[in-house]
Protein backbone atom coordinates (compact mmCIF):
# COMPACT_ATOMS: atom_id res chain seq x y z
CA MET A 1 -24.13 83.54 84.21
CA VAL A 2 -20.55 83.05 83.18
CA GLY A 3 -19.41 81.87 79.79
CA GLU A 4 -16.06 80.55 78.64
CA ALA A 5 -13.62 83.02 77.12
CA THR A 6 -14.22 83.59 73.44
CA ALA A 7 -12.94 85.88 70.71
CA ASP A 8 -15.58 88.39 71.66
CA THR A 9 -14.55 91.58 73.41
CA ALA A 10 -16.54 90.54 76.48
CA PRO A 11 -15.42 87.01 77.49
CA THR A 12 -18.25 86.67 80.00
CA LEU A 13 -21.73 87.18 78.63
CA GLY A 14 -23.75 89.33 80.98
CA ALA A 15 -20.79 90.52 83.04
CA ALA A 16 -20.67 94.25 83.67
CA ARG A 17 -17.39 95.89 82.70
CA SER A 18 -15.37 97.76 85.27
CA GLY A 19 -13.02 100.75 85.17
CA TRP A 20 -12.23 102.39 81.89
CA ARG A 21 -13.36 99.31 79.92
CA ARG A 22 -16.98 100.22 80.56
CA PHE A 23 -16.51 103.13 78.14
CA PHE A 24 -14.62 101.16 75.46
CA LEU A 25 -17.47 100.54 73.05
CA PRO A 26 -16.03 100.52 69.51
CA VAL A 27 -19.16 99.17 67.81
CA THR A 28 -21.43 101.73 69.44
CA TYR A 29 -19.17 104.71 68.76
CA GLY A 30 -18.21 103.58 65.27
CA TYR A 31 -21.78 102.96 64.14
CA ALA A 32 -22.98 106.23 65.64
CA ALA A 33 -20.19 108.09 63.83
CA MET A 34 -21.23 106.54 60.51
CA LEU A 35 -24.88 107.42 61.07
CA ILE A 36 -24.01 111.01 61.96
CA THR A 37 -21.75 111.33 58.91
CA VAL A 38 -24.42 110.01 56.54
CA ALA A 39 -27.08 112.22 58.13
CA ALA A 40 -24.85 115.28 57.73
CA LEU A 41 -24.15 114.47 54.09
CA LEU A 42 -27.85 113.98 53.38
CA ALA A 43 -28.68 117.27 55.07
CA ALA A 44 -26.35 119.04 52.65
CA LEU A 45 -28.29 117.71 49.63
CA SER A 46 -31.43 119.08 48.04
CA ASP A 47 -34.71 117.36 48.75
CA ALA A 48 -34.72 115.72 45.33
CA ALA A 49 -31.17 114.45 45.76
CA GLN A 50 -31.96 113.14 49.24
CA THR A 51 -34.89 111.19 47.84
CA GLN A 52 -32.72 109.62 45.14
CA VAL A 53 -30.02 108.61 47.63
CA ILE A 54 -32.54 107.11 50.04
CA LEU A 55 -34.28 105.17 47.26
CA ARG A 56 -30.96 103.74 46.08
CA ALA A 57 -30.08 102.74 49.64
CA SER A 58 -33.49 101.18 50.32
CA THR A 59 -34.03 97.47 50.75
CA ASN A 60 -37.28 97.65 48.84
CA LEU A 61 -38.37 94.70 46.76
CA SER A 62 -37.45 96.40 43.49
CA ASN A 63 -33.81 96.87 44.51
CA LEU A 64 -33.49 93.36 45.91
CA LEU A 65 -35.01 91.72 42.82
CA ARG A 66 -32.49 93.62 40.68
CA GLY A 67 -29.68 92.13 42.73
CA ASN A 68 -28.79 95.31 44.65
CA TYR A 69 -27.87 93.36 47.76
CA GLY A 70 -25.58 96.14 48.92
CA THR A 71 -28.74 97.86 50.13
CA LEU A 72 -28.79 95.34 52.99
CA VAL A 73 -25.83 97.33 54.34
CA SER A 74 -26.53 100.83 53.04
CA SER A 75 -30.09 100.86 54.37
CA ALA A 76 -28.78 100.51 57.93
CA LEU A 77 -26.72 103.68 57.56
CA VAL A 78 -29.63 106.01 56.82
CA VAL A 79 -31.90 107.24 59.62
CA GLY A 80 -33.86 109.91 57.76
CA ASP A 81 -33.76 113.68 57.87
CA GLY A 82 -31.96 115.82 60.44
CA ALA A 83 -34.81 115.80 62.96
CA ALA A 84 -35.17 112.02 62.87
CA ALA A 85 -31.41 111.54 63.17
CA ALA A 86 -31.17 113.93 66.11
CA LEU A 87 -33.80 111.90 67.96
CA LEU A 88 -32.94 108.35 67.00
CA ILE A 89 -29.14 108.32 67.11
CA PRO A 90 -28.77 109.24 70.82
CA LEU A 91 -31.40 106.65 71.75
CA LEU A 92 -29.68 104.03 69.60
CA VAL A 93 -26.35 104.81 71.25
CA CYS A 94 -27.86 103.98 74.65
CA LEU A 95 -29.29 100.71 73.30
CA LEU A 96 -26.04 99.62 71.67
CA ALA A 97 -23.96 100.72 74.65
CA LEU A 98 -25.91 98.40 76.94
CA ALA A 99 -25.72 95.55 74.43
CA GLU A 100 -21.99 95.97 73.89
CA ARG A 101 -21.29 96.24 77.63
CA ARG A 102 -23.18 93.04 78.35
CA PHE A 103 -22.89 90.96 75.17
CA GLY A 104 -19.58 92.15 73.76
CA ALA A 105 -18.92 93.63 70.34
CA LEU A 106 -19.20 90.52 68.15
CA THR A 107 -22.40 89.22 69.72
CA THR A 108 -23.98 92.66 69.50
CA ILE A 109 -23.12 92.83 65.79
CA ARG A 110 -24.51 89.34 65.18
CA ILE A 111 -27.82 90.12 66.89
CA PHE A 112 -28.22 93.48 65.13
CA VAL A 113 -27.34 92.06 61.71
CA ALA A 114 -29.57 89.01 62.19
CA GLY A 115 -32.50 91.27 62.98
CA HIS A 116 -31.80 93.77 60.22
CA ILE A 117 -31.13 91.31 57.40
CA GLY A 118 -33.42 88.53 58.62
CA ALA A 119 -36.47 90.76 58.99
CA THR A 120 -35.70 92.55 55.72
CA LEU A 121 -35.57 89.32 53.72
CA LEU A 122 -38.67 87.89 55.38
CA VAL A 123 -40.60 91.09 54.65
CA ALA A 124 -39.33 91.07 51.06
CA ALA A 125 -40.50 87.49 50.60
CA GLY A 126 -43.92 88.36 51.98
CA LEU A 127 -44.18 91.43 49.75
CA TRP A 128 -43.23 89.38 46.70
CA VAL A 129 -46.08 86.97 47.44
CA ALA A 130 -48.50 89.83 48.14
CA VAL A 131 -47.59 91.74 44.99
CA THR A 132 -47.76 88.59 42.85
CA ALA A 133 -51.22 87.84 44.23
CA ASP A 134 -52.35 91.47 43.71
CA TRP A 135 -52.95 91.91 47.45
CA VAL A 136 -50.88 95.11 47.59
CA PRO A 137 -50.14 97.70 44.89
CA VAL A 138 -46.99 97.36 42.78
CA SER A 139 -45.87 100.80 44.00
CA THR A 140 -45.02 99.15 47.33
CA THR A 141 -42.01 97.52 45.68
CA THR A 142 -40.30 100.91 45.23
CA ALA A 143 -41.09 102.38 48.64
CA GLU A 144 -38.39 103.92 50.80
CA ASP A 145 -37.14 101.30 53.27
CA VAL A 146 -34.13 102.42 55.30
CA GLY A 147 -33.23 102.76 58.95
CA ILE A 148 -31.97 101.09 62.09
CA SER A 149 -35.30 99.90 63.44
CA TYR A 150 -35.09 96.18 62.53
CA GLY A 151 -31.66 95.76 64.07
CA ALA A 152 -32.62 97.79 67.13
CA MET A 153 -35.74 95.71 67.76
CA ALA A 154 -33.70 92.50 67.55
CA VAL A 155 -31.32 93.82 70.21
CA ILE A 156 -34.26 94.78 72.43
CA GLY A 157 -35.59 91.26 72.11
CA ALA A 158 -32.20 89.82 73.03
CA PHE A 159 -32.17 91.88 76.25
CA VAL A 160 -34.35 89.12 77.68
CA VAL A 161 -30.98 87.57 78.58
CA LEU A 162 -30.27 90.34 81.07
CA LEU A 163 -33.44 89.93 83.09
CA PRO A 164 -34.03 87.63 86.08
CA ARG A 165 -35.65 84.35 85.12
CA GLN A 166 -39.06 85.36 86.52
CA TRP A 167 -39.22 88.47 84.31
CA ARG A 168 -38.23 86.93 81.00
CA ALA A 169 -41.72 85.79 80.02
CA THR A 170 -43.16 89.17 80.94
CA TRP A 171 -40.52 90.97 78.85
CA SER A 172 -41.16 88.73 75.86
CA ILE A 173 -44.95 88.80 75.98
CA THR A 174 -45.12 92.56 76.59
CA TRP A 175 -42.91 93.45 73.67
CA LEU A 176 -44.65 91.01 71.35
CA ALA A 177 -48.00 92.52 72.35
CA VAL A 178 -46.73 96.04 71.63
CA ALA A 179 -45.33 94.91 68.27
CA VAL A 180 -48.61 93.25 67.31
CA SER A 181 -50.43 96.43 68.31
CA GLY A 182 -48.09 98.36 66.03
CA VAL A 183 -48.99 96.06 63.15
CA ALA A 184 -52.71 96.47 63.87
CA MET A 185 -52.45 100.26 64.01
CA GLY A 186 -49.91 100.93 61.27
CA ARG A 187 -50.73 98.11 58.85
CA THR A 188 -47.50 98.55 56.90
CA PHE A 189 -44.78 96.11 55.94
CA THR A 190 -42.43 98.05 58.22
CA ASN A 191 -44.63 97.26 61.21
CA VAL A 192 -44.53 93.60 60.26
CA GLY A 193 -40.75 93.85 59.95
CA HIS A 194 -40.51 95.23 63.49
CA LEU A 195 -42.47 92.26 64.80
CA LEU A 196 -40.28 89.80 62.90
CA ALA A 197 -37.07 91.51 64.06
CA LEU A 198 -38.24 91.43 67.68
CA ALA A 199 -39.02 87.72 67.34
CA ILE A 200 -35.55 87.11 65.88
CA GLY A 201 -33.98 88.91 68.84
CA LEU A 202 -36.03 86.95 71.37
CA VAL A 203 -35.06 83.67 69.72
CA GLY A 204 -31.43 84.76 69.74
CA GLY A 205 -31.63 85.73 73.40
CA PHE A 206 -33.12 82.42 74.50
CA TRP A 207 -30.59 80.60 72.33
CA LEU A 208 -27.80 82.38 74.19
CA LEU A 209 -29.32 81.29 77.48
CA ARG A 210 -29.38 77.65 76.34
CA THR A 211 -25.87 77.46 74.92
CA GLN A 212 -22.57 77.07 76.70
CA ARG A 213 -22.04 80.82 76.61
CA VAL A 214 -24.27 81.09 79.69
CA ARG A 215 -23.63 78.69 82.59
CA LEU A 216 -24.53 80.08 86.01
CA PRO A 217 -28.18 80.19 87.21
CA ARG A 218 -28.22 83.98 87.56
CA LEU A 219 -26.71 86.89 85.66
CA PRO A 220 -24.84 89.64 87.53
CA ARG A 221 -27.27 92.37 88.50
CA MET A 222 -27.35 95.39 86.22
CA THR A 223 -25.95 98.61 87.60
CA ARG A 224 -28.10 101.72 87.95
CA PHE A 225 -26.39 103.15 84.90
CA GLU A 226 -27.26 100.05 82.88
CA CYS A 227 -30.85 100.15 84.13
CA GLY A 228 -31.01 103.72 82.81
CA LEU A 229 -29.68 102.54 79.46
CA LEU A 230 -32.31 99.80 79.40
CA ALA A 231 -35.05 102.37 80.10
CA VAL A 232 -33.87 104.56 77.22
CA ALA A 233 -33.59 101.52 74.93
CA SER A 234 -37.15 100.58 75.84
CA ALA A 235 -38.31 104.09 74.99
CA LEU A 236 -36.67 103.72 71.58
CA GLY A 237 -38.38 100.38 71.06
CA TYR A 238 -41.78 101.79 71.93
CA LEU A 239 -41.18 104.78 69.64
CA LEU A 240 -40.25 102.49 66.74
CA LEU A 241 -43.20 100.17 67.26
CA VAL A 242 -46.07 102.59 67.83
CA GLY A 243 -44.57 106.09 67.62
């Protein structure tokens, strides 16, 4: 499917890049560099200091109600301790690389941000209702809530764009089923956030298919390299949902 040229770095949504441009991924490399830097700085701190930094960066209900809206950004820069960062960052790079190659930089940012902020605010609203009604303990409002998982799940949902028409329903239903299973097993607000972020990504993906950004009846076939990236991205999604 071919779209009209836009301000995005990839004028044709779904078109595979060729030559050296396939490796020009400023969003992917820049975000990974920030995550690695923050992880390295956290690793240099004591356990107590790490906890304080993570709590201040968290998008928990307490911070949001106090007007600390900067946590909507800072929370996406923290991926946990060294072990978690070493596992998640390489997987995230593969996910973002595929998204940036196929969607372009600006669309990738929009999808990731929509999932991260949208799911965060929806979860916060639900927690406010639950805490007010005494359905969950007040301590939930100060829980650690950082990471890349909401944004990543939105991007995975949006990958429905890249699949042949006959596989789009299967992709959507399968991931929604896994996300619901994660909610049933984990029973935390984070699990609910993953489900909401995935839904946001799916809605965004189908919206892209219905707008003028996508015109031809079939997207260019993914290369073997991109299929490998999709497999790794799917592994990340499964790890986030039920791992």
